Amino acid sequence: MLKVVKIGGNIVDNPEKLERFLCDFARMEGDKILVHGGGKVATTVSKALGIETTMIAGRRVTDADTLRVVTMVYAGLINKTIVGKLMGYGLRAVGLSGADGGFITSRRRAAAPVDSGYVGDPVAVNCDLAAALMEKGYTLVAAPITYDGEGGMLNTNADTVASTLATALAGAGHRVELVYCFEKPGVLTDVNDDSTLIREITPASYRELKACGAVADGMLPKLDNAFRAIGCGVESVVICSAERIAVPGYGGTRLCRG
């Protein structure tokens, strides 16, 4: 089974946790694709360059200057750092932005109701490119920078990139498992208490969790993307701790069709 694994920015920001995760990821058997988030490096670089960072509902507003920074940081510094470390662990890793071979094409998000600037929503994946590279033994490392189809780049949510890749590859005939790895053990009813881990979520229980406020904020788009992927043919979705990627079954929260 092809595994699409997304690693969150909080792990990318922590050198020790990232190193451990990449070591474990490299040992995973079979075809796999790693999608990484951006972390806080872009904010640090923006500040050093005198570029103001604006966030709305936890998402970065991407003006022209910020787009240059995130392209440089996400598709450059972070992507190539991860590729280099995976190569050191024996993988034949290759880093891709959405523009490379037309890997992921996006449409710029509408300015209403919120103008996020140069932010893209994926509309197409070059599955032939991915398949050709994996057939040659390469492990893909995807940056959250996509292509607008007209010569430009777009900043794109990494969770969405991961679910889009998983869905497209499932549609192309691959058996796909989507794994979201971050700093928590999975989906929690109390974000400050790891013992409140929810082992399984169905569409019905998800509606109940949202209604009572047990699941909220940044976890909602992650779960929305996950259930959308399941509905489009992805066989399995798991949300787990980055430290459990090498554990059979990963632990964490498994999403089911119900």
Protein backbone atom coordinates (compact mmCIF):
# COMPACT_ATOMS: atom_id res chain seq x y z
CA MET A 1 0.00 0.00 0.00
CA LEU A 2 1.26 3.49 -0.87
CA LYS A 3 1.60 5.71 2.19
CA VAL A 4 1.15 9.48 2.00
CA VAL A 5 2.57 10.90 5.24
CA LYS A 6 2.19 14.52 6.29
CA ILE A 7 4.48 15.98 8.96
CA GLY A 8 3.39 19.11 10.81
CA GLY A 9 5.23 22.38 11.21
CA ASN A 10 5.76 21.91 14.95
CA ILE A 11 7.90 18.85 14.18
CA VAL A 12 9.71 20.63 11.35
CA ASP A 13 10.58 23.40 13.85
CA ASN A 14 12.16 20.95 16.32
CA PRO A 15 15.49 19.57 15.01
CA GLU A 16 15.61 16.62 17.41
CA LYS A 17 12.01 15.53 16.77
CA LEU A 18 12.43 15.99 13.03
CA GLU A 19 15.60 13.89 13.02
CA ARG A 20 13.89 11.07 14.90
CA PHE A 21 10.86 11.20 12.64
CA LEU A 22 12.92 11.11 9.43
CA CYS A 23 14.93 8.17 10.74
CA ASP A 24 11.69 6.28 11.44
CA PHE A 25 10.12 7.36 8.14
CA ALA A 26 13.13 6.10 6.21
CA ARG A 27 12.61 2.64 7.73
CA MET A 28 9.00 2.40 6.59
CA GLU A 29 8.67 -0.28 3.93
CA GLY A 30 7.06 0.19 0.54
CA ASP A 31 6.28 3.25 -1.56
CA LYS A 32 5.78 6.43 0.42
CA ILE A 33 5.43 10.16 -0.11
CA LEU A 34 6.27 12.73 2.56
CA VAL A 35 4.42 16.06 2.64
CA HIS A 36 5.86 18.65 5.00
CA GLY A 37 4.50 21.80 6.52
CA GLY A 38 6.27 25.13 6.73
CA GLY A 39 6.83 25.69 10.41
CA LYS A 40 7.91 29.04 11.78
CA VAL A 41 11.01 29.53 9.62
CA ALA A 42 9.13 31.65 7.09
CA THR A 43 8.01 34.00 9.87
CA THR A 44 11.60 34.32 11.12
CA VAL A 45 12.95 35.01 7.63
CA SER A 46 10.14 37.51 6.91
CA LYS A 47 10.97 39.40 10.09
CA ALA A 48 14.66 39.49 9.20
CA LEU A 49 13.74 40.96 5.79
CA GLY A 50 11.37 43.52 7.28
CA ILE A 51 8.28 41.84 5.82
CA GLU A 52 5.23 41.88 8.08
CA THR A 53 3.49 38.55 8.72
CA THR A 54 -0.32 38.62 8.81
CA MET A 55 -2.33 35.62 10.01
CA ILE A 56 -6.09 35.18 9.72
CA ALA A 57 -7.67 32.21 11.54
CA GLY A 58 -4.24 30.60 11.83
CA ARG A 59 -3.51 30.89 8.10
CA ARG A 60 -0.78 33.04 6.58
CA VAL A 61 -1.91 35.89 4.33
CA THR A 62 0.41 35.65 1.32
CA ASP A 63 1.15 38.91 -0.46
CA ALA A 64 3.77 39.10 -3.22
CA ASP A 65 6.70 39.56 -0.83
CA THR A 66 5.51 36.79 1.47
CA LEU A 67 5.08 34.46 -1.51
CA ARG A 68 8.76 34.92 -2.34
CA VAL A 69 9.70 34.09 1.23
CA VAL A 70 7.54 30.97 1.58
CA THR A 71 8.65 29.67 -1.81
CA MET A 72 12.27 30.14 -0.79
CA VAL A 73 11.78 28.59 2.66
CA TYR A 74 9.24 25.81 2.02
CA ALA A 75 10.34 24.61 -1.42
CA GLY A 76 13.98 25.46 -0.77
CA LEU A 77 15.46 25.41 2.72
CA ILE A 78 13.01 23.06 4.46
CA ASN A 79 12.40 20.75 1.51
CA LYS A 80 16.07 20.29 0.67
CA THR A 81 17.06 19.89 4.33
CA ILE A 82 14.57 17.02 4.62
CA VAL A 83 15.66 15.50 1.30
CA GLY A 84 19.30 15.62 2.36
CA LYS A 85 18.61 13.94 5.70
CA LEU A 86 16.54 11.19 4.07
CA MET A 87 19.33 10.60 1.57
CA GLY A 88 21.64 10.22 4.58
CA TYR A 89 19.33 7.50 5.90
CA GLY A 90 19.59 5.57 2.66
CA LEU A 91 16.48 6.70 0.78
CA ARG A 92 16.58 7.91 -2.81
CA ALA A 93 14.65 11.07 -1.98
CA VAL A 94 13.58 13.74 -4.45
CA GLY A 95 12.01 17.05 -3.45
CA LEU A 96 9.18 18.55 -5.45
CA SER A 97 7.16 21.74 -5.43
CA GLY A 98 3.92 21.88 -7.34
CA ALA A 99 5.67 23.48 -10.32
CA ASP A 100 8.15 20.62 -10.81
CA GLY A 101 6.80 18.66 -13.74
CA GLY A 102 3.39 20.19 -13.05
CA PHE A 103 3.22 17.99 -9.95
CA ILE A 104 0.36 19.87 -8.24
CA THR A 105 -1.66 22.58 -9.96
CA SER A 106 -3.84 24.92 -7.93
CA ARG A 107 -6.38 27.66 -8.47
CA ARG A 108 -5.85 30.92 -6.63
CA ARG A 109 -8.44 31.24 -3.88
CA ALA A 110 -11.17 33.85 -4.38
CA ALA A 111 -10.69 37.16 -2.56
CA ALA A 112 -14.11 36.93 -0.89
CA PRO A 113 -14.99 36.57 1.93
CA VAL A 114 -11.32 36.77 3.01
CA ASP A 115 -8.48 37.84 0.71
CA SER A 116 -5.62 35.47 1.54
CA GLY A 117 -3.46 36.68 -1.34
CA TYR A 118 -1.43 34.17 -3.31
CA VAL A 119 -2.98 31.08 -1.73
CA GLY A 120 -3.99 28.10 -3.82
CA ASP A 121 -6.53 25.29 -3.65
CA PRO A 122 -5.29 22.19 -5.53
CA VAL A 123 -7.19 21.14 -8.64
CA ALA A 124 -4.89 18.59 -10.35
CA VAL A 125 -2.05 16.16 -9.60
CA ASN A 126 0.42 14.74 -12.11
CA CYS A 127 0.00 11.12 -11.00
CA ASP A 128 2.05 9.87 -13.96
CA LEU A 129 5.06 11.82 -12.69
CA ALA A 130 4.64 10.45 -9.16
CA ALA A 131 4.23 6.89 -10.43
CA ALA A 132 7.25 7.14 -12.74
CA LEU A 133 9.51 8.37 -9.94
CA MET A 134 8.29 5.74 -7.47
CA GLU A 135 8.76 2.99 -10.06
CA LYS A 136 12.41 4.08 -10.26
CA GLY A 137 12.72 3.73 -6.50
CA TYR A 138 12.47 7.39 -5.50
CA THR A 139 10.71 8.67 -2.40
CA LEU A 140 8.89 11.95 -3.06
CA VAL A 141 9.11 14.85 -0.62
CA ALA A 142 6.40 17.42 -1.41
CA ALA A 143 6.58 21.06 -0.36
CA PRO A 144 3.35 23.02 0.27
CA ILE A 145 3.99 25.30 -2.71
CA THR A 146 1.82 24.63 -5.76
CA TYR A 147 1.64 25.84 -9.37
CA ASP A 148 -1.01 28.19 -10.74
CA GLY A 149 -0.78 26.82 -14.31
CA GLU A 150 0.27 30.19 -15.67
CA GLY A 151 3.88 30.49 -14.55
CA GLY A 152 3.31 31.42 -10.91
CA MET A 153 3.45 29.79 -7.49
CA LEU A 154 0.83 29.60 -4.73
CA ASN A 155 1.13 29.00 -1.00
CA THR A 156 -1.00 25.98 -0.11
CA ASN A 157 -2.05 24.32 3.13
CA ALA A 158 0.08 21.21 3.66
CA ASP A 159 -2.81 19.14 5.06
CA THR A 160 -4.71 19.88 1.87
CA VAL A 161 -1.71 18.96 -0.27
CA ALA A 162 -1.48 15.61 1.50
CA SER A 163 -5.16 14.76 1.15
CA THR A 164 -5.16 15.92 -2.49
CA LEU A 165 -2.19 13.68 -3.31
CA ALA A 166 -3.75 10.72 -1.52
CA THR A 167 -7.09 11.20 -3.26
CA ALA A 168 -5.58 11.65 -6.72
CA LEU A 169 -3.35 8.60 -6.40
CA ALA A 170 -6.26 6.52 -5.12
CA GLY A 171 -8.22 7.65 -8.16
CA ALA A 172 -5.32 6.57 -10.36
CA GLY A 173 -5.62 3.01 -9.07
CA HIS A 174 -3.25 2.94 -6.10
CA ARG A 175 -4.18 1.57 -2.70
CA VAL A 176 -3.45 4.55 -0.46
CA GLU A 177 -3.09 5.16 3.27
CA LEU A 178 -2.99 8.78 4.49
CA VAL A 179 -1.17 9.47 7.76
CA TYR A 180 -1.13 12.87 9.48
CA CYS A 181 1.72 13.12 11.99
CA PHE A 182 2.03 15.93 14.50
CA GLU A 183 3.07 16.58 18.11
CA LYS A 184 -0.04 15.12 19.78
CA PRO A 185 -0.94 11.38 20.06
CA GLY A 186 -4.04 11.89 17.89
CA VAL A 187 -7.39 13.63 18.14
CA LEU A 188 -8.07 14.62 21.76
CA THR A 189 -11.26 15.79 23.44
CA ASP A 190 -9.01 17.88 25.72
CA VAL A 191 -5.93 19.19 23.93
CA ASN A 192 -4.10 19.46 27.25
CA ASP A 193 -4.72 15.84 28.26
CA ASP A 194 -3.20 13.08 26.14
CA SER A 195 -5.34 10.49 27.95
CA THR A 196 -8.44 11.85 26.16
CA LEU A 197 -7.35 10.31 22.85
CA ILE A 198 -10.22 9.29 20.55
CA ARG A 199 -9.30 5.96 18.99
CA GLU A 200 -11.86 5.99 16.18
CA ILE A 201 -14.04 8.60 14.49
CA THR A 202 -16.85 7.94 12.03
CA PRO A 203 -18.74 10.62 10.06
CA ALA A 204 -21.59 10.39 12.56
CA SER A 205 -19.38 10.69 15.64
CA TYR A 206 -17.48 13.55 13.97
CA ARG A 207 -20.69 15.52 13.64
CA GLU A 208 -21.39 14.95 17.34
CA LEU A 209 -17.86 15.95 18.37
CA LYS A 210 -18.13 19.19 16.41
CA ALA A 211 -21.60 19.96 17.76
CA CYS A 212 -20.50 19.67 21.39
CA GLY A 213 -17.22 21.51 20.80
CA ALA A 214 -15.01 18.54 21.74
CA VAL A 215 -13.16 18.97 18.45
CA ALA A 216 -12.51 22.50 17.24
CA ASP A 217 -10.08 25.04 15.83
CA GLY A 218 -7.13 23.70 13.79
CA MET A 219 -8.23 20.08 14.04
CA LEU A 220 -11.39 20.76 12.01
CA PRO A 221 -9.75 21.36 8.60
CA LYS A 222 -7.50 18.35 9.20
CA LEU A 223 -10.50 16.10 9.85
CA ASP A 224 -12.48 17.63 7.00
CA ASN A 225 -9.64 16.84 4.61
CA ALA A 226 -9.33 13.34 6.03
CA PHE A 227 -13.00 12.45 5.62
CA ARG A 228 -13.02 13.97 2.15
CA ALA A 229 -10.12 11.67 1.25
CA ILE A 230 -11.96 8.61 2.59
CA GLY A 231 -15.00 9.56 0.57
CA CYS A 232 -12.84 9.70 -2.56
CA GLY A 233 -11.29 6.25 -2.30
CA VAL A 234 -8.42 6.53 0.18
CA GLU A 235 -8.48 3.27 2.15
CA SER A 236 -7.25 4.46 5.53
CA VAL A 237 -6.62 7.74 7.35
CA VAL A 238 -4.75 7.96 10.65
CA ILE A 239 -3.90 10.99 12.79
CA CYS A 240 -1.05 10.20 15.16
CA SER A 241 2.08 11.34 16.95
CA ALA A 242 5.19 11.72 14.81
CA GLU A 243 6.93 9.54 17.40
CA ARG A 244 4.64 6.59 16.50
CA ILE A 245 5.27 6.44 12.77
CA ALA A 246 7.40 3.31 13.16
CA VAL A 247 4.86 1.54 15.41
CA PRO A 248 2.58 -0.98 13.65
CA GLY A 249 -0.82 0.65 13.25
CA TYR A 250 0.65 3.97 14.48
CA GLY A 251 -1.71 4.18 17.46
CA GLY A 252 -3.47 7.51 17.29
CA THR A 253 -6.92 8.13 15.84
CA ARG A 254 -8.24 6.10 12.92
CA LEU A 255 -10.95 7.55 10.72
CA CYS A 256 -13.54 5.14 9.38
CA ARG A 257 -16.30 5.29 6.80
CA GLY A 258 -18.82 4.19 9.43
